[in-house]
Protein backbone atom coordinates (compact mmCIF):
# COMPACT_ATOMS: atom_id res chain seq x y z
CA MET A 1 -48.76 -25.64 26.78
CA PRO A 2 -50.95 -23.66 28.42
CA PRO A 3 -50.90 -19.96 27.98
CA GLU A 4 -50.28 -19.42 31.66
CA VAL A 5 -47.30 -22.01 31.75
CA GLN A 6 -45.48 -20.64 28.82
CA ALA A 7 -45.87 -16.91 30.32
CA ALA A 8 -44.43 -18.22 33.79
CA PHE A 9 -41.67 -19.89 31.90
CA ASP A 10 -40.60 -16.67 29.63
CA LYS A 11 -40.94 -14.94 32.88
CA TYR A 12 -38.27 -17.35 34.30
CA GLN A 13 -35.97 -17.42 31.30
CA VAL A 14 -35.65 -13.49 31.72
CA GLN A 15 -34.98 -13.54 34.84
CA TYR A 16 -32.54 -16.14 34.81
CA TYR A 17 -30.47 -14.67 32.18
CA ALA A 18 -30.90 -10.93 33.82
CA PHE A 19 -29.03 -12.84 37.16
CA LEU A 20 -26.74 -14.65 34.74
CA GLY A 21 -25.60 -10.95 33.49
CA GLN A 22 -25.68 -10.08 36.89
CA GLN A 23 -23.54 -12.70 38.12
CA ILE A 24 -20.89 -12.00 35.12
CA GLU A 25 -20.70 -8.22 36.00
CA VAL A 26 -19.60 -9.49 39.88
CA ALA A 27 -17.03 -11.48 38.56
CA ILE A 28 -15.51 -8.98 36.45
CA GLU A 29 -15.58 -6.16 38.93
CA ASN A 30 -13.74 -8.50 41.35
CA PHE A 31 -11.44 -9.19 38.69
CA ARG A 32 -10.96 -5.23 38.42
CA TRP A 33 -10.97 -4.75 42.07
CA GLN A 34 -8.10 -7.78 42.56
CA GLN A 35 -5.85 -5.98 39.14
CA ARG A 36 -6.26 -2.87 41.29
CA ALA A 37 -5.33 -4.48 44.91
CA SER A 38 -2.51 -6.35 43.27
CA GLU A 39 -1.25 -3.73 41.16
CA VAL A 40 -1.17 -1.33 44.58
CA LEU A 41 0.31 -4.33 46.79
CA MET A 42 3.14 -4.78 43.85
CA TRP A 43 4.18 -1.12 44.21
CA THR A 44 4.50 -1.24 48.04
CA VAL A 45 6.34 -4.30 48.02
CA LEU A 46 8.98 -2.70 45.33
CA ALA A 47 8.97 0.72 47.53
CA VAL A 48 9.94 -1.49 50.41
CA VAL A 49 12.78 -2.94 48.46
CA PHE A 50 14.12 0.36 47.47
CA CYS A 51 14.24 1.78 50.64
CA GLY A 52 16.38 -1.63 51.92
CA LEU A 53 18.61 -1.26 48.97
CA GLY A 54 19.19 1.72 49.08
CA PHE A 55 19.55 1.89 53.17
CA SER A 56 21.85 -1.20 52.03
CA GLY A 57 23.83 0.80 49.39
CA TYR A 58 24.08 3.77 51.87
CA GLN A 59 25.42 1.47 54.61
CA LEU A 60 28.21 -0.32 52.49
CA TYR A 61 28.93 3.54 51.07
CA HIS A 62 29.55 4.83 54.63
CA ALA A 63 31.33 1.68 55.94
CA THR A 64 34.00 1.44 52.91
CA ARG A 65 34.28 5.41 53.51
CA LEU A 66 35.25 5.28 56.97
CA GLY A 67 37.55 2.96 56.45
CA LYS A 68 36.11 0.71 59.75
CA ASP A 69 38.46 -2.18 60.92
CA PRO A 70 36.60 -5.56 59.88
CA ALA A 71 37.58 -7.19 62.61
CA ALA A 72 35.93 -4.69 64.64
CA ASN A 73 32.38 -6.61 64.28
CA GLU A 74 30.06 -6.87 67.05
CA ILE A 75 27.70 -10.07 67.40
CA GLU A 76 25.25 -9.78 70.26
CA ILE A 77 22.27 -12.45 70.15
CA SER A 78 19.98 -13.15 73.57
CA THR A 79 16.48 -14.51 73.79
CA ASN A 80 15.31 -10.71 73.90
CA LYS A 81 16.98 -8.95 71.08
CA VAL A 82 19.42 -9.71 68.13
CA ARG A 83 21.83 -7.17 67.91
CA VAL A 84 24.18 -6.43 65.13
CA THR A 85 26.86 -3.65 64.68
CA SER A 86 29.43 -3.71 62.28
CA SER A 87 29.96 -2.89 58.24
CA ILE A 88 28.32 -5.88 56.96
CA VAL A 89 24.61 -4.66 58.56
CA GLY A 90 23.72 -3.21 54.80
CA LEU A 91 25.28 -6.68 53.18
CA VAL A 92 22.37 -7.78 55.79
CA VAL A 93 19.37 -5.52 54.43
CA LEU A 94 20.60 -6.16 50.67
CA PHE A 95 20.32 -10.00 51.32
CA MET A 96 17.15 -9.58 53.70
CA SER A 97 15.31 -7.19 50.54
CA ILE A 98 15.90 -9.74 47.93
CA ALA A 99 14.83 -12.43 49.67
CA PHE A 100 11.73 -10.95 50.76
CA LEU A 101 10.63 -9.94 47.19
CA TYR A 102 11.47 -13.33 46.15
CA LEU A 103 9.32 -14.84 48.48
CA PHE A 104 6.63 -12.07 47.50
CA LEU A 105 6.79 -12.92 43.87
CA ILE A 106 6.91 -16.51 44.02
CA GLU A 107 4.04 -16.92 46.99
CA VAL A 108 1.97 -14.11 46.91
CA TYR A 109 2.34 -12.53 43.28
CA ARG A 110 1.83 -16.04 41.21
CA ILE A 111 -0.60 -15.54 39.08
CA LYS A 112 -2.96 -18.63 38.42
CA PRO A 113 -5.22 -19.03 35.63
CA VAL A 114 -8.99 -18.67 36.22
CA ASN A 115 -11.22 -21.35 34.30
CA LEU A 116 -14.99 -19.71 34.28
CA LEU A 117 -16.28 -22.36 32.22
CA GLN A 118 -15.49 -25.42 34.74
CA GLN A 119 -17.82 -26.81 37.17
CA SER A 120 -17.54 -26.55 40.81
CA PRO A 121 -17.07 -30.19 42.15
CA SER A 122 -20.38 -30.13 44.02
CA ALA A 123 -22.22 -29.23 40.63
CA GLN A 124 -20.14 -31.95 39.43
CA GLN A 125 -21.48 -34.60 42.16
CA VAL A 126 -24.50 -32.94 41.85
CA GLY A 127 -24.50 -33.96 38.11
CA SER A 128 -22.98 -36.88 38.30
CA GLY A 129 -25.37 -38.50 40.99
CA ALA A 130 -28.68 -37.59 39.35
CA THR A 131 -27.42 -39.71 35.76
CA ARG A 132 -27.18 -43.07 38.00
């Protein structure tokens, strides 16, 4: 092999492995950022849920302490608004907080394993097309 070709090949190999190293660093930084963002989001959701639980506890405490008539419930539903005035507002907020946390954990915070060694579908198609 001529020395110019060998030198060009060596230069290409150095650049290729430098590129792979940079690509790995970018992937690692992306995972770190996603982990930090995920932690912030989880703490925010927990704060919202605990505020809802605290509010519902406050409402239930005052409803039992004041001894309001359970039959004095008022529910108004119209196209513009929904209004609930009763001692069960705390229960409604409690169920909404728990449902919000459940949906967040099941739909948003789901952790999916990532296989970095798996080729992308486009690379598999190109690879399979070249072998024909």
